Amino acid sequence: MQRFFAFVSLLVIVGGAFFFVSASHRNASDRATDDVSPHVYPNIYSSSDGEDSDGYAETTVTSSPVDPFPSASSTAVGSGEPVVLFKPVLEGAAGEQKSDSSVSIGIDAFYYSWLPGNHPRAFAAASVVDSKVALGTLDPAQATTASGGESALGEGTAIIVRMTKAVCAVTSVSVEEYEQGIQIAVHGVTDPARCGQTTEGAYVAIPLTDEQVAKARSYEAPAYHPLDDSELKYGWQSSPEGEYSPTIFQARSRAKLSEVWQSEETDRQLTPHVLLPRSAG
C-alpha cells in the first residue's frame, strides 16, 4: 500500500510539471507572435506604383550626333601659347603597358583634335619631351625639343589630352577597342628621382589608325534612360550614374568635368568615363 501511494504521488508531481512547462511554452509562443507580427518592412527597391525605383526614367532619349573631330584651332588652348607635349616610350600599344616605376595617369574629360591639314598652333609649336631620353638622362633640358610638336605629331590623326598629374615621363599610351568603345589609358612616371623635374598640366597625343578614325566617325550614341530624381524612393543610398556616351572615346582614368560642356542638365547624363571633343572655349 505504501508503494501504491508513493507511485500516485510521483504521477501527480510529473503531471504538474508537464502542465507548467506546456503553459510556459504556449505563453512564450504567444509573446513571440505578438512581437514579430506587427513589424513589416517595405521593399526599398520597389516604388509604391509597382515599378522599379532605380533612379532612371522609364522613357529613353535618342541623342543628336556629335562630331568626334571638330577643329581645335579656334579653342582657347589650341590657338594660345605653345604647350608642353610628352612623347611616350610606347605609343598606341594594345592593352596596358607600364614599367615598375610608372603609375596610371588621369586625363581631363576634354580632348583636342589633331587632323591632317588642321594643326592647332599651340600643339604644332609645342615643346616636346622625349620620355625615353628623360628616363635615360634625368635631364629635362636634354629631353626637350622646342617647337617640336609639328614634327612629333606628323600628318596623321590624333586626339590630344591633358594629364591631371605632374609627370617627368610618359611610359605608354594604350588604345583598346571594343564593339561600342575605344578605351584610352596613360601611364607615366611622377617621381623626379626617376626622370628629372616633373611638368604640371602637360599634354600627350593618342595616335589613331584610319580604322579607328572611321569607327569614331560612324559611332552613334545609344539611346539612354535619363536620370530621374523622383525615382529615388525609400532613401536610396547611392545616386546612379549617367548613361549618355556621345563619343566612342573613353578613358580608364578620367577627371570630373570642371566646366559645362553642353548644359548642366545634359552633362548630368554623361557616363563617368566618356571623353568629350573640345570645339570652342
C-alpha atoms as a PDB file:
ATOM      1  CA  MET A   1       0.000   0.000   0.000  1.00  0.00           C
ATOM      2  CA  GLN A   2       2.836   2.361   0.857  1.00  0.00           C
ATOM      3  CA  ARG A   3       4.343   1.724  -2.559  1.00  0.00           C
ATOM      4  CA  PHE A   4       0.983   2.437  -4.209  1.00  0.00           C
ATOM      5  CA  PHE A   5       0.699   5.901  -2.550  1.00  0.00           C
ATOM      6  CA  ALA A   6       4.285   6.683  -3.472  1.00  0.00           C
ATOM      7  CA  PHE A   7       3.534   5.821  -7.118  1.00  0.00           C
ATOM      8  CA  VAL A   8       0.425   8.035  -7.162  1.00  0.00           C
ATOM      9  CA  SER A   9       2.387  10.929  -5.643  1.00  0.00           C
ATOM     10  CA  LEU A  10       5.017  10.606  -8.378  1.00  0.00           C
ATOM     11  CA  LEU A  11       2.343  10.736 -11.095  1.00  0.00           C
ATOM     12  CA  VAL A  12       0.889  13.930  -9.588  1.00  0.00           C
ATOM     13  CA  ILE A  13       4.314  15.600  -9.495  1.00  0.00           C
ATOM     14  CA  VAL A  14       5.141  14.630 -13.105  1.00  0.00           C
ATOM     15  CA  GLY A  15       1.712  15.755 -14.345  1.00  0.00           C
ATOM     16  CA  GLY A  16       2.020  19.114 -12.649  1.00  0.00           C
ATOM     17  CA  ALA A  17       5.483  19.709 -14.123  1.00  0.00           C
ATOM     18  CA  PHE A  18       4.241  18.843 -17.614  1.00  0.00           C
ATOM     19  CA  PHE A  19       1.290  21.272 -17.310  1.00  0.00           C
ATOM     20  CA  PHE A  20       3.606  24.099 -16.129  1.00  0.00           C
ATOM     21  CA  VAL A  21       6.091  23.604 -18.992  1.00  0.00           C
ATOM     22  CA  SER A  22       3.307  23.435 -21.596  1.00  0.00           C
ATOM     23  CA  ALA A  23       1.692  26.626 -20.313  1.00  0.00           C
ATOM     24  CA  SER A  24       5.023  28.442 -20.240  1.00  0.00           C
ATOM     25  CA  HIS A  25       5.816  27.353 -23.789  1.00  0.00           C
ATOM     26  CA  ARG A  26       2.381  28.464 -25.033  1.00  0.00           C
ATOM     27  CA  ASN A  27       2.725  31.899 -23.420  1.00  0.00           C
ATOM     28  CA  ALA A  28       6.221  32.346 -24.868  1.00  0.00           C
ATOM     29  CA  SER A  29       4.950  31.420 -28.325  1.00  0.00           C
ATOM     30  CA  ASP A  30       2.119  33.917 -27.996  1.00  0.00           C
ATOM     31  CA  ARG A  31       4.539  36.635 -26.913  1.00  0.00           C
ATOM     32  CA  ALA A  32       6.876  35.840 -29.812  1.00  0.00           C
ATOM     33  CA  THR A  33       3.986  36.003 -32.255  1.00  0.00           C
ATOM     34  CA  ASP A  34       2.863  39.326 -30.774  1.00  0.00           C
ATOM     35  CA  ASP A  35       6.414  40.730 -31.048  1.00  0.00           C
ATOM     36  CA  VAL A  36       7.039  39.734 -34.673  1.00  0.00           C
ATOM     37  CA  SER A  37       3.737  40.158 -36.485  1.00  0.00           C
ATOM     38  CA  PRO A  38       3.401  43.989 -36.370  1.00  0.00           C
ATOM     39  CA  HIS A  39       6.867  44.589 -37.962  1.00  0.00           C
ATOM     40  CA  VAL A  40       6.509  44.657 -41.762  1.00  0.00           C
ATOM     41  CA  TYR A  41       9.430  46.293 -43.637  1.00  0.00           C
ATOM     42  CA  PRO A  42       8.866  47.864 -47.065  1.00  0.00           C
ATOM     43  CA  ASN A  43      10.873  46.702 -50.060  1.00  0.00           C
ATOM     44  CA  ILE A  44      13.223  49.640 -50.631  1.00  0.00           C
ATOM     45  CA  TYR A  45      13.835  48.560 -54.209  1.00  0.00           C
ATOM     46  CA  SER A  46      10.205  48.897 -55.287  1.00  0.00           C
ATOM     47  CA  SER A  47       8.140  52.023 -55.659  1.00  0.00           C
ATOM     48  CA  SER A  48       4.567  52.394 -54.474  1.00  0.00           C
ATOM     49  CA  ASP A  49       3.273  52.024 -58.026  1.00  0.00           C
ATOM     50  CA  GLY A  50       4.991  48.687 -58.520  1.00  0.00           C
ATOM     51  CA  GLU A  51       7.765  49.953 -60.851  1.00  0.00           C
ATOM     52  CA  ASP A  52      11.471  49.709 -60.169  1.00  0.00           C
ATOM     53  CA  SER A  53      12.935  52.721 -58.356  1.00  0.00           C
ATOM     54  CA  ASP A  54      16.361  52.676 -59.942  1.00  0.00           C
ATOM     55  CA  GLY A  55      16.859  56.418 -60.423  1.00  0.00           C
ATOM     56  CA  TYR A  56      16.223  56.341 -64.189  1.00  0.00           C
ATOM     57  CA  ALA A  57      13.204  57.483 -66.158  1.00  0.00           C
ATOM     58  CA  GLU A  58      11.144  54.826 -67.927  1.00  0.00           C
ATOM     59  CA  THR A  59      11.427  56.687 -71.242  1.00  0.00           C
ATOM     60  CA  THR A  60      14.599  56.819 -73.367  1.00  0.00           C
ATOM     61  CA  VAL A  61      16.337  59.703 -75.105  1.00  0.00           C
ATOM     62  CA  THR A  62      17.864  59.483 -78.577  1.00  0.00           C
ATOM     63  CA  SER A  63      20.827  61.840 -78.684  1.00  0.00           C
ATOM     64  CA  SER A  64      21.883  64.030 -81.584  1.00  0.00           C
ATOM     65  CA  PRO A  65      25.092  63.143 -83.468  1.00  0.00           C
ATOM     66  CA  VAL A  66      28.319  64.681 -82.145  1.00  0.00           C
ATOM     67  CA  ASP A  67      31.307  65.431 -84.383  1.00  0.00           C
ATOM     68  CA  PRO A  68      34.169  63.452 -82.795  1.00  0.00           C
ATOM     69  CA  PHE A  69      36.857  65.526 -84.504  1.00  0.00           C
ATOM     70  CA  PRO A  70      35.937  69.232 -84.513  1.00  0.00           C
ATOM     71  CA  SER A  71      38.712  71.667 -85.277  1.00  0.00           C
ATOM     72  CA  ALA A  72      40.650  72.680 -82.181  1.00  0.00           C
ATOM     73  CA  SER A  73      42.323  75.645 -83.907  1.00  0.00           C
ATOM     74  CA  SER A  74      39.763  78.113 -82.546  1.00  0.00           C
ATOM     75  CA  THR A  75      39.806  76.832 -78.960  1.00  0.00           C
ATOM     76  CA  ALA A  76      41.491  78.832 -76.202  1.00  0.00           C
ATOM     77  CA  VAL A  77      44.215  76.200 -75.795  1.00  0.00           C
ATOM     78  CA  GLY A  78      44.693  75.349 -79.452  1.00  0.00           C
ATOM     79  CA  SER A  79      45.048  78.989 -80.506  1.00  0.00           C
ATOM     80  CA  GLY A  80      47.051  80.009 -77.449  1.00  0.00           C
ATOM     81  CA  GLU A  81      50.653  79.779 -76.328  1.00  0.00           C
ATOM     82  CA  PRO A  82      52.701  76.646 -77.055  1.00  0.00           C
ATOM     83  CA  VAL A  83      52.137  73.815 -74.575  1.00  0.00           C
ATOM     84  CA  VAL A  84      54.365  71.020 -73.291  1.00  0.00           C
ATOM     85  CA  LEU A  85      53.793  67.727 -75.084  1.00  0.00           C
ATOM     86  CA  PHE A  86      55.231  64.403 -73.925  1.00  0.00           C
ATOM     87  CA  LYS A  87      56.338  61.759 -76.405  1.00  0.00           C
ATOM     88  CA  PRO A  88      55.613  58.337 -74.838  1.00  0.00           C
ATOM     89  CA  VAL A  89      58.090  55.489 -74.721  1.00  0.00           C
ATOM     90  CA  LEU A  90      55.327  53.297 -76.215  1.00  0.00           C
ATOM     91  CA  GLU A  91      52.585  54.693 -78.459  1.00  0.00           C
ATOM     92  CA  GLY A  92      49.243  53.131 -79.311  1.00  0.00           C
ATOM     93  CA  ALA A  93      50.059  49.872 -77.536  1.00  0.00           C
ATOM     94  CA  ALA A  94      47.252  47.348 -77.249  1.00  0.00           C
ATOM     95  CA  GLY A  95      46.426  46.753 -73.609  1.00  0.00           C
ATOM     96  CA  GLU A  96      48.161  48.041 -70.527  1.00  0.00           C
ATOM     97  CA  GLN A  97      51.869  48.766 -70.892  1.00  0.00           C
ATOM     98  CA  LYS A  98      53.827  50.093 -67.932  1.00  0.00           C
ATOM     99  CA  SER A  99      57.111  49.796 -66.055  1.00  0.00           C
ATOM    100  CA  ASP A 100      57.713  49.155 -62.369  1.00  0.00           C
ATOM    101  CA  SER A 101      58.092  52.888 -61.692  1.00  0.00           C
ATOM    102  CA  SER A 102      55.101  54.095 -63.717  1.00  0.00           C
ATOM    103  CA  VAL A 103      51.592  54.770 -62.493  1.00  0.00           C
ATOM    104  CA  SER A 104      48.221  55.352 -64.085  1.00  0.00           C
ATOM    105  CA  ILE A 105      47.823  58.983 -65.130  1.00  0.00           C
ATOM    106  CA  GLY A 106      44.380  60.572 -65.183  1.00  0.00           C
ATOM    107  CA  ILE A 107      43.333  62.825 -68.031  1.00  0.00           C
ATOM    108  CA  ASP A 108      40.866  65.670 -68.456  1.00  0.00           C
ATOM    109  CA  ALA A 109      37.390  64.979 -69.802  1.00  0.00           C
ATOM    110  CA  PHE A 110      38.035  67.130 -72.884  1.00  0.00           C
ATOM    111  CA  TYR A 111      40.287  66.269 -75.817  1.00  0.00           C
ATOM    112  CA  TYR A 112      41.624  68.249 -78.779  1.00  0.00           C
ATOM    113  CA  SER A 113      41.737  67.060 -82.379  1.00  0.00           C
ATOM    114  CA  TRP A 114      44.917  66.891 -84.466  1.00  0.00           C
ATOM    115  CA  LEU A 115      43.849  66.351 -88.071  1.00  0.00           C
ATOM    116  CA  PRO A 116      45.579  66.181 -91.447  1.00  0.00           C
ATOM    117  CA  GLY A 117      45.799  69.756 -92.689  1.00  0.00           C
ATOM    118  CA  ASN A 118      44.404  71.155 -89.427  1.00  0.00           C
ATOM    119  CA  HIS A 119      47.147  71.601 -86.842  1.00  0.00           C
ATOM    120  CA  PRO A 120      46.287  73.880 -83.897  1.00  0.00           C
ATOM    121  CA  ARG A 121      49.080  76.366 -83.314  1.00  0.00           C
ATOM    122  CA  ALA A 122      49.681  75.605 -79.625  1.00  0.00           C
ATOM    123  CA  PHE A 123      50.327  71.927 -80.340  1.00  0.00           C
ATOM    124  CA  ALA A 124      52.292  72.469 -83.553  1.00  0.00           C
ATOM    125  CA  ALA A 125      54.688  74.769 -81.688  1.00  0.00           C
ATOM    126  CA  ALA A 126      54.747  72.677 -78.511  1.00  0.00           C
ATOM    127  CA  SER A 127      57.895  71.846 -76.595  1.00  0.00           C
ATOM    128  CA  VAL A 128      58.233  68.077 -76.871  1.00  0.00           C
ATOM    129  CA  VAL A 129      59.707  65.986 -74.054  1.00  0.00           C
ATOM    130  CA  ASP A 130      61.102  62.651 -75.236  1.00  0.00           C
ATOM    131  CA  SER A 131      60.242  60.325 -72.363  1.00  0.00           C
ATOM    132  CA  LYS A 132      62.871  57.747 -73.301  1.00  0.00           C
ATOM    133  CA  VAL A 133      65.611  60.381 -73.150  1.00  0.00           C
ATOM    134  CA  ALA A 134      64.237  61.788 -69.872  1.00  0.00           C
ATOM    135  CA  LEU A 135      64.346  58.342 -68.270  1.00  0.00           C
ATOM    136  CA  GLY A 136      67.877  57.773 -69.511  1.00  0.00           C
ATOM    137  CA  THR A 137      69.423  61.141 -68.583  1.00  0.00           C
ATOM    138  CA  LEU A 138      67.189  62.547 -65.780  1.00  0.00           C
ATOM    139  CA  ASP A 139      67.730  65.879 -67.538  1.00  0.00           C
ATOM    140  CA  PRO A 140      64.621  67.604 -68.955  1.00  0.00           C
ATOM    141  CA  ALA A 141      66.760  70.019 -70.966  1.00  0.00           C
ATOM    142  CA  GLN A 142      68.347  67.183 -72.936  1.00  0.00           C
ATOM    143  CA  ALA A 143      64.980  65.502 -73.395  1.00  0.00           C
ATOM    144  CA  THR A 144      63.115  68.611 -74.629  1.00  0.00           C
ATOM    145  CA  THR A 145      62.874  69.897 -78.196  1.00  0.00           C
ATOM    146  CA  ALA A 146      61.477  73.414 -78.508  1.00  0.00           C
ATOM    147  CA  SER A 147      58.798  73.925 -81.167  1.00  0.00           C
ATOM    148  CA  GLY A 148      58.873  70.212 -81.941  1.00  0.00           C
ATOM    149  CA  GLY A 149      55.141  69.499 -81.956  1.00  0.00           C
ATOM    150  CA  GLU A 150      54.632  69.584 -85.725  1.00  0.00           C
ATOM    151  CA  SER A 151      57.379  67.044 -86.312  1.00  0.00           C
ATOM    152  CA  ALA A 152      56.413  64.800 -83.401  1.00  0.00           C
ATOM    153  CA  LEU A 153      52.704  64.645 -84.266  1.00  0.00           C
ATOM    154  CA  GLY A 154      53.110  64.260 -88.026  1.00  0.00           C
ATOM    155  CA  GLU A 155      50.289  64.246 -90.562  1.00  0.00           C
ATOM    156  CA  GLY A 156      48.089  61.552 -89.086  1.00  0.00           C
ATOM    157  CA  THR A 157      45.008  61.891 -86.887  1.00  0.00           C
ATOM    158  CA  ALA A 158      45.290  62.007 -83.116  1.00  0.00           C
ATOM    159  CA  ILE A 159      43.418  63.244 -80.105  1.00  0.00           C
ATOM    160  CA  ILE A 160      45.426  65.253 -77.588  1.00  0.00           C
ATOM    161  CA  VAL A 161      44.620  65.075 -73.874  1.00  0.00           C
ATOM    162  CA  ARG A 162      45.809  66.974 -70.830  1.00  0.00           C
ATOM    163  CA  MET A 163      47.243  64.930 -67.963  1.00  0.00           C
ATOM    164  CA  THR A 164      45.996  65.610 -64.433  1.00  0.00           C
ATOM    165  CA  LYS A 165      49.277  64.680 -62.710  1.00  0.00           C
ATOM    166  CA  ALA A 166      52.698  66.271 -62.967  1.00  0.00           C
ATOM    167  CA  VAL A 167      54.974  63.847 -64.847  1.00  0.00           C
ATOM    168  CA  CYS A 168      58.572  63.657 -65.974  1.00  0.00           C
ATOM    169  CA  ALA A 169      57.956  60.863 -68.487  1.00  0.00           C
ATOM    170  CA  VAL A 170      55.079  59.058 -70.171  1.00  0.00           C
ATOM    171  CA  THR A 171      55.810  55.362 -70.429  1.00  0.00           C
ATOM    172  CA  SER A 172      52.825  54.417 -72.583  1.00  0.00           C
ATOM    173  CA  VAL A 173      49.522  55.357 -74.114  1.00  0.00           C
ATOM    174  CA  SER A 174      47.314  52.362 -74.814  1.00  0.00           C
ATOM    175  CA  VAL A 175      44.275  52.060 -77.035  1.00  0.00           C
ATOM    176  CA  GLU A 176      41.831  49.186 -76.625  1.00  0.00           C
ATOM    177  CA  GLU A 177      38.922  48.704 -78.983  1.00  0.00           C
ATOM    178  CA  TYR A 178      35.534  47.315 -78.024  1.00  0.00           C
ATOM    179  CA  GLU A 179      32.366  46.887 -80.045  1.00  0.00           C
ATOM    180  CA  GLN A 180      30.966  50.190 -78.823  1.00  0.00           C
ATOM    181  CA  GLY A 181      34.037  51.932 -77.459  1.00  0.00           C
ATOM    182  CA  ILE A 182      37.702  52.862 -77.727  1.00  0.00           C
ATOM    183  CA  GLN A 183      39.332  53.000 -74.306  1.00  0.00           C
ATOM    184  CA  ILE A 184      42.434  55.070 -73.662  1.00  0.00           C
ATOM    185  CA  ALA A 185      44.885  54.659 -70.806  1.00  0.00           C
ATOM    186  CA  VAL A 186      48.000  56.681 -69.986  1.00  0.00           C
ATOM    187  CA  HIS A 187      50.871  55.570 -67.755  1.00  0.00           C
ATOM    188  CA  GLY A 188      53.762  57.733 -66.677  1.00  0.00           C
ATOM    189  CA  VAL A 189      56.425  58.474 -64.096  1.00  0.00           C
ATOM    190  CA  THR A 190      55.810  61.113 -61.427  1.00  0.00           C
ATOM    191  CA  ASP A 191      58.960  60.601 -59.330  1.00  0.00           C
ATOM    192  CA  PRO A 192      61.663  63.202 -60.182  1.00  0.00           C
ATOM    193  CA  ALA A 193      64.327  60.764 -58.986  1.00  0.00           C
ATOM    194  CA  ARG A 194      63.433  58.547 -61.937  1.00  0.00           C
ATOM    195  CA  CYS A 195      63.425  61.055 -64.789  1.00  0.00           C
ATOM    196  CA  GLY A 196      64.114  64.600 -63.590  1.00  0.00           C
ATOM    197  CA  GLN A 197      61.872  67.578 -62.959  1.00  0.00           C
ATOM    198  CA  THR A 198      58.151  67.000 -63.437  1.00  0.00           C
ATOM    199  CA  THR A 199      55.825  69.168 -65.546  1.00  0.00           C
ATOM    200  CA  GLU A 200      52.314  70.103 -64.447  1.00  0.00           C
ATOM    201  CA  GLY A 201      49.467  70.355 -66.960  1.00  0.00           C
ATOM    202  CA  ALA A 202      51.310  68.732 -69.857  1.00  0.00           C
ATOM    203  CA  TYR A 203      49.665  67.040 -72.824  1.00  0.00           C
ATOM    204  CA  VAL A 204      50.065  63.742 -74.631  1.00  0.00           C
ATOM    205  CA  ALA A 205      48.803  62.674 -78.054  1.00  0.00           C
ATOM    206  CA  ILE A 206      46.870  59.484 -78.756  1.00  0.00           C
ATOM    207  CA  PRO A 207      47.559  58.498 -82.391  1.00  0.00           C
ATOM    208  CA  LEU A 208      44.648  56.824 -84.181  1.00  0.00           C
ATOM    209  CA  THR A 209      44.620  54.443 -87.116  1.00  0.00           C
ATOM    210  CA  ASP A 210      42.436  55.070 -90.148  1.00  0.00           C
ATOM    211  CA  GLU A 211      40.162  52.256 -88.988  1.00  0.00           C
ATOM    212  CA  GLN A 212      39.770  53.841 -85.547  1.00  0.00           C
ATOM    213  CA  VAL A 213      39.006  57.215 -87.104  1.00  0.00           C
ATOM    214  CA  ALA A 214      36.339  55.646 -89.314  1.00  0.00           C
ATOM    215  CA  LYS A 215      34.872  53.814 -86.321  1.00  0.00           C
ATOM    216  CA  ALA A 216      34.720  57.061 -84.326  1.00  0.00           C
ATOM    217  CA  ARG A 217      33.010  58.903 -87.182  1.00  0.00           C
ATOM    218  CA  SER A 218      30.399  56.198 -87.696  1.00  0.00           C
ATOM    219  CA  TYR A 219      29.642  55.829 -83.992  1.00  0.00           C
ATOM    220  CA  GLU A 220      26.046  56.503 -82.962  1.00  0.00           C
ATOM    221  CA  ALA A 221      25.400  57.154 -79.298  1.00  0.00           C
ATOM    222  CA  PRO A 222      22.916  54.581 -77.966  1.00  0.00           C
ATOM    223  CA  ALA A 223      19.571  55.791 -76.659  1.00  0.00           C
ATOM    224  CA  TYR A 224      19.697  56.125 -72.888  1.00  0.00           C
ATOM    225  CA  HIS A 225      17.462  56.405 -69.829  1.00  0.00           C
ATOM    226  CA  PRO A 226      17.882  59.895 -68.314  1.00  0.00           C
ATOM    227  CA  LEU A 227      18.376  60.293 -64.584  1.00  0.00           C
ATOM    228  CA  ASP A 228      15.149  60.913 -62.693  1.00  0.00           C
ATOM    229  CA  ASP A 229      15.407  62.097 -59.087  1.00  0.00           C
ATOM    230  CA  SER A 230      11.733  61.331 -58.496  1.00  0.00           C
ATOM    231  CA  GLU A 231      12.552  57.638 -58.977  1.00  0.00           C
ATOM    232  CA  LEU A 232      14.797  57.614 -55.915  1.00  0.00           C
ATOM    233  CA  LYS A 233      12.389  56.440 -53.228  1.00  0.00           C
ATOM    234  CA  TYR A 234      12.796  54.979 -49.733  1.00  0.00           C
ATOM    235  CA  GLY A 235      16.131  56.655 -49.057  1.00  0.00           C
ATOM    236  CA  TRP A 236      18.197  55.318 -51.961  1.00  0.00           C
ATOM    237  CA  GLN A 237      21.794  55.374 -50.733  1.00  0.00           C
ATOM    238  CA  SER A 238      23.853  55.935 -53.904  1.00  0.00           C
ATOM    239  CA  SER A 239      22.992  58.040 -56.932  1.00  0.00           C
ATOM    240  CA  PRO A 240      23.005  56.209 -60.274  1.00  0.00           C
ATOM    241  CA  GLU A 241      25.471  57.197 -62.981  1.00  0.00           C
ATOM    242  CA  GLY A 242      24.583  58.796 -66.294  1.00  0.00           C
ATOM    243  CA  GLU A 243      24.180  56.600 -69.363  1.00  0.00           C
ATOM    244  CA  TYR A 244      24.896  59.123 -72.142  1.00  0.00           C
ATOM    245  CA  SER A 245      28.048  58.389 -74.204  1.00  0.00           C
ATOM    246  CA  PRO A 246      28.177  60.982 -77.006  1.00  0.00           C
ATOM    247  CA  THR A 247      31.543  59.797 -78.388  1.00  0.00           C
ATOM    248  CA  ILE A 248      33.231  56.436 -78.813  1.00  0.00           C
ATOM    249  CA  PHE A 249      36.225  57.530 -76.715  1.00  0.00           C
ATOM    250  CA  GLN A 250      36.519  56.544 -73.059  1.00  0.00           C
ATOM    251  CA  ALA A 251      39.300  56.918 -70.516  1.00  0.00           C
ATOM    252  CA  ARG A 252      40.287  54.376 -67.918  1.00  0.00           C
ATOM    253  CA  SER A 253      41.033  57.234 -65.513  1.00  0.00           C
ATOM    254  CA  ARG A 254      39.198  60.478 -66.272  1.00  0.00           C
ATOM    255  CA  ALA A 255      38.797  63.625 -64.214  1.00  0.00           C
ATOM    256  CA  LYS A 256      35.365  65.035 -63.450  1.00  0.00           C
ATOM    257  CA  LEU A 257      34.060  67.835 -65.630  1.00  0.00           C
ATOM    258  CA  SER A 258      35.445  71.140 -64.422  1.00  0.00           C
ATOM    259  CA  GLU A 259      33.112  73.192 -66.623  1.00  0.00           C
ATOM    260  CA  VAL A 260      29.899  72.902 -68.610  1.00  0.00           C
ATOM    261  CA  TRP A 261      30.099  71.031 -71.920  1.00  0.00           C
ATOM    262  CA  GLN A 262      26.588  71.443 -73.377  1.00  0.00           C
ATOM    263  CA  SER A 263      24.308  72.256 -70.455  1.00  0.00           C
ATOM    264  CA  GLU A 264      24.179  71.313 -66.797  1.00  0.00           C
ATOM    265  CA  GLU A 265      21.182  69.037 -67.391  1.00  0.00           C
ATOM    266  CA  THR A 266      22.811  67.264 -70.351  1.00  0.00           C
ATOM    267  CA  ASP A 267      26.154  66.971 -68.567  1.00  0.00           C
ATOM    268  CA  ARG A 268      24.440  65.148 -65.687  1.00  0.00           C
ATOM    269  CA  GLN A 269      23.548  62.366 -68.101  1.00  0.00           C
ATOM    270  CA  LEU A 270      27.154  61.672 -69.185  1.00  0.00           C
ATOM    271  CA  THR A 271      28.824  58.392 -68.314  1.00  0.00           C
ATOM    272  CA  PRO A 272      31.764  58.932 -65.943  1.00  0.00           C
ATOM    273  CA  HIS A 273      34.451  57.745 -68.410  1.00  0.00           C
ATOM    274  CA  VAL A 274      33.417  59.295 -71.726  1.00  0.00           C
ATOM    275  CA  LEU A 275      35.767  61.802 -73.396  1.00  0.00           C
ATOM    276  CA  LEU A 276      34.364  64.958 -74.960  1.00  0.00           C
ATOM    277  CA  PRO A 277      35.606  66.887 -78.011  1.00  0.00           C
ATOM    278  CA  ARG A 278      36.728  70.427 -77.420  1.00  0.00           C
ATOM    279  CA  SER A 279      35.435  72.610 -80.243  1.00  0.00           C
ATOM    280  CA  ALA A 280      35.463  76.086 -78.675  1.00  0.00           C
ATOM    281  CA  GLY A 281      36.379  77.842 -75.476  1.00  0.00           C
END
